[in-house]
Amino acid sequence: MSNVAIFGGSFNPPHLGHVYGIATALSCADVDMVWLMPCHQHAFAKDLASFHHRLAMCNAAIAPFDPKRVAVTDIESTLEGENHTIDTLHALEQSHPEHRFSLVIGTDILTERASWKDFDTLEERYPFVLLGRQDHPTPAHVSVSPPLPNVSSTEILHRIHGNEAIGDLVPAAVAQYIQDQGLYR
């Protein structure tokens, strides 16, 4: 049975913080694989690029990794209605009984636990791979990675709107995809 860490997010767009998170999970946690999982319909109604584009950018971002260790799943596009992580993980368990699943989250999510559906069940049922986030507390009783690079999609979108370079914030293949598709203009 393989240990698969699910790294969910809007990935609008995927950036170097996400790439660092993947490498950290593979290097520091008891996982065999990391699956990036872009949300299909954001539970908090964020304005996102189309799922098709975010899925393509995720695939571009993971291209340098071994495909036996890092993949992108589109499972949320197959589920009905609003997606919640707990429901998606249940669906993954049903469609992939050969895997044990854990969840990659940043320490910033711990302060948002009240807004997540069944967060306590998530925490009990799926081991967390915690990624440190700058300016967010780290619980004393858990092990986390050093803080992720301070990269945000908001900053990336701000730069795009200002016709500024984003090459220091996103993988080169993602920057090229954004340019080629005219995204976020």
Protein backbone atom coordinates (compact mmCIF):
# COMPACT_ATOMS: atom_id res chain seq x y z
CA MET A 1 0.00 0.00 0.00
CA SER A 2 1.44 3.35 -1.05
CA ASN A 3 1.35 6.49 1.07
CA VAL A 4 0.01 9.34 -1.07
CA ALA A 5 0.07 12.92 0.21
CA ILE A 6 -2.68 15.06 -1.29
CA PHE A 7 -1.62 18.66 -1.81
CA GLY A 8 -4.79 20.55 -2.57
CA GLY A 9 -5.25 24.18 -3.43
CA SER A 10 -6.57 26.64 -5.93
CA PHE A 11 -3.18 26.78 -7.70
CA ASN A 12 -4.16 30.08 -9.26
CA PRO A 13 -1.39 29.90 -10.45
CA PRO A 14 0.91 27.22 -9.02
CA HIS A 15 4.11 28.87 -7.79
CA LEU A 16 7.54 28.13 -6.34
CA GLY A 17 6.09 27.83 -2.83
CA HIS A 18 4.02 24.90 -4.08
CA VAL A 19 7.06 23.33 -5.74
CA TYR A 20 9.01 23.70 -2.49
CA GLY A 21 6.08 22.13 -0.63
CA ILE A 22 6.14 19.10 -2.94
CA ALA A 23 9.89 18.64 -2.49
CA THR A 24 9.55 19.05 1.27
CA ALA A 25 6.75 16.48 1.54
CA LEU A 26 8.74 13.96 -0.52
CA SER A 27 11.92 14.60 1.44
CA CYS A 28 10.68 14.98 5.00
CA ALA A 29 7.45 13.01 5.35
CA ASP A 30 6.61 9.33 5.17
CA VAL A 31 5.07 9.55 1.70
CA ASP A 32 5.70 7.66 -1.51
CA MET A 33 3.90 10.11 -3.77
CA VAL A 34 2.49 13.62 -3.79
CA TRP A 35 -0.62 14.35 -5.84
CA LEU A 36 -1.40 17.98 -6.59
CA MET A 37 -5.15 18.45 -6.47
CA PRO A 38 -6.48 21.72 -7.90
CA CYS A 39 -9.94 22.52 -6.60
CA HIS A 40 -12.67 22.48 -9.19
CA GLN A 41 -15.17 24.77 -7.48
CA HIS A 42 -13.65 26.62 -4.55
CA ALA A 43 -15.56 26.15 -1.30
CA PHE A 44 -15.01 29.81 -0.39
CA ALA A 45 -16.06 31.12 -3.84
CA LYS A 46 -12.66 32.48 -4.89
CA ASP A 47 -12.44 33.89 -8.40
CA LEU A 48 -10.19 31.47 -10.27
CA ALA A 49 -8.87 30.82 -13.75
CA SER A 50 -10.67 27.92 -15.41
CA PHE A 51 -10.05 24.46 -14.02
CA HIS A 52 -8.62 23.43 -17.40
CA HIS A 53 -5.91 26.12 -17.20
CA ARG A 54 -5.07 25.49 -13.55
CA LEU A 55 -4.79 21.75 -14.22
CA ALA A 56 -2.46 22.42 -17.18
CA MET A 57 -0.33 24.80 -15.07
CA CYS A 58 -0.07 22.19 -12.29
CA ASN A 59 1.15 19.64 -14.83
CA ALA A 60 3.70 22.17 -16.09
CA ALA A 61 4.86 22.92 -12.55
CA ILE A 62 5.52 19.26 -11.70
CA ALA A 63 7.25 18.36 -14.98
CA PRO A 64 10.75 18.30 -13.39
CA PHE A 65 9.67 15.70 -10.79
CA ASP A 66 9.70 11.93 -11.24
CA PRO A 67 6.20 11.05 -12.53
CA LYS A 68 6.24 7.96 -10.31
CA ARG A 69 6.47 10.28 -7.29
CA VAL A 70 4.49 13.39 -8.26
CA ALA A 71 1.25 13.61 -10.22
CA VAL A 72 -1.80 15.82 -10.66
CA THR A 73 -5.29 14.52 -9.97
CA ASP A 74 -8.42 15.98 -11.51
CA ILE A 75 -10.76 14.13 -9.14
CA GLU A 76 -12.54 17.28 -8.03
CA SER A 77 -13.77 17.85 -11.59
CA THR A 78 -15.60 14.51 -11.39
CA LEU A 79 -17.44 15.31 -8.15
CA GLU A 80 -20.81 17.02 -7.98
CA GLY A 81 -21.32 20.46 -6.45
CA GLU A 82 -19.12 22.36 -4.05
CA ASN A 83 -15.93 20.50 -3.16
CA HIS A 84 -14.83 20.01 0.41
CA THR A 85 -11.52 18.32 1.20
CA ILE A 86 -13.08 15.70 3.46
CA ASP A 87 -15.52 14.61 0.73
CA THR A 88 -12.78 14.51 -1.89
CA LEU A 89 -10.54 12.39 0.31
CA HIS A 90 -13.41 9.94 0.86
CA ALA A 91 -13.89 9.75 -2.92
CA LEU A 92 -10.15 9.16 -3.40
CA GLU A 93 -10.22 6.34 -0.85
CA GLN A 94 -13.08 4.68 -2.72
CA SER A 95 -11.46 5.00 -6.14
CA HIS A 96 -7.93 4.12 -4.94
CA PRO A 97 -8.15 1.52 -2.15
CA GLU A 98 -4.52 0.60 -2.86
CA HIS A 99 -3.35 3.90 -1.29
CA ARG A 100 -3.28 5.45 2.17
CA PHE A 101 -3.85 9.18 2.01
CA SER A 102 -2.43 12.06 4.00
CA LEU A 103 -2.95 15.77 3.53
CA VAL A 104 -0.34 18.46 2.85
CA ILE A 105 -1.34 21.74 4.49
CA GLY A 106 0.36 24.93 5.56
CA THR A 107 0.37 25.98 9.19
CA ASP A 108 -1.82 28.93 8.13
CA ILE A 109 -4.68 26.46 7.59
CA LEU A 110 -4.62 25.51 11.27
CA THR A 111 -5.95 28.97 12.12
CA GLU A 112 -8.78 28.49 9.59
CA ARG A 113 -9.95 25.14 10.92
CA ALA A 114 -13.39 26.47 11.94
CA SER A 115 -14.22 27.31 8.31
CA TRP A 116 -13.40 23.81 7.01
CA LYS A 117 -15.99 21.05 6.81
CA ASP A 118 -15.25 18.32 9.37
CA PHE A 119 -11.72 19.53 10.08
CA ASP A 120 -11.48 17.36 13.21
CA THR A 121 -12.30 14.26 11.15
CA LEU A 122 -9.68 15.28 8.58
CA GLU A 123 -7.11 15.62 11.32
CA GLU A 124 -7.99 12.26 12.89
CA ARG A 125 -8.30 10.24 9.69
CA TYR A 126 -5.63 11.67 7.40
CA PRO A 127 -2.17 12.41 8.76
CA PHE A 128 -1.13 15.99 8.09
CA VAL A 129 2.12 16.86 6.37
CA LEU A 130 2.53 20.36 7.81
CA LEU A 131 4.43 22.98 5.87
CA GLY A 132 5.67 25.99 7.82
CA ARG A 133 4.28 29.36 6.77
CA GLN A 134 5.88 32.67 7.63
CA ASP A 135 4.01 34.70 10.24
CA HIS A 136 1.87 31.71 11.26
CA PRO A 137 2.28 29.87 14.54
CA THR A 138 3.64 26.36 14.61
CA PRO A 139 2.07 24.07 17.22
CA ALA A 140 4.69 22.89 19.69
CA HIS A 141 3.56 19.25 19.54
CA VAL A 142 3.96 18.72 15.79
CA SER A 143 6.84 18.59 13.36
CA VAL A 144 6.75 20.98 10.41
CA SER A 145 9.07 22.01 7.65
CA PRO A 146 10.98 25.27 7.62
CA PRO A 147 8.72 28.07 6.37
CA LEU A 148 7.76 27.97 2.70
CA PRO A 149 9.10 30.78 0.55
CA ASN A 150 6.89 33.83 1.01
CA VAL A 151 5.18 33.61 -2.39
CA SER A 152 1.50 34.32 -2.92
CA SER A 153 -0.83 34.08 -5.87
CA THR A 154 -2.04 37.58 -4.99
CA GLU A 155 1.46 38.99 -5.54
CA ILE A 156 1.80 37.06 -8.81
CA LEU A 157 -1.52 38.40 -10.11
CA HIS A 158 -0.57 41.91 -9.01
CA ARG A 159 2.66 41.67 -11.00
CA ILE A 160 0.89 40.30 -14.07
CA HIS A 161 -1.62 43.16 -13.98
CA GLY A 162 1.30 45.60 -13.72
CA ASN A 163 3.17 43.94 -16.62
CA GLU A 164 5.98 42.96 -14.23
CA ALA A 165 8.09 39.80 -14.43
CA ILE A 166 6.94 36.75 -12.46
CA GLY A 167 9.86 34.43 -13.24
CA ASP A 168 11.15 34.59 -9.67
CA LEU A 169 7.78 33.44 -8.29
CA VAL A 170 6.59 30.66 -10.62
CA PRO A 171 8.25 27.79 -12.48
CA ALA A 172 9.41 28.85 -15.95
CA ALA A 173 6.92 26.50 -17.63
CA VAL A 174 4.05 28.08 -15.68
CA ALA A 175 5.19 31.61 -16.61
CA GLN A 176 5.34 30.55 -20.25
CA TYR A 177 1.87 28.98 -20.08
CA ILE A 178 0.41 32.13 -18.53
CA GLN A 179 1.99 34.24 -21.29
CA ASP A 180 0.97 31.88 -24.11
CA GLN A 181 -2.63 31.67 -22.91
CA GLY A 182 -2.95 35.34 -21.99
CA LEU A 183 -4.12 34.43 -18.50
CA TYR A 184 -4.84 36.92 -15.71
CA ARG A 185 -4.79 39.94 -18.04
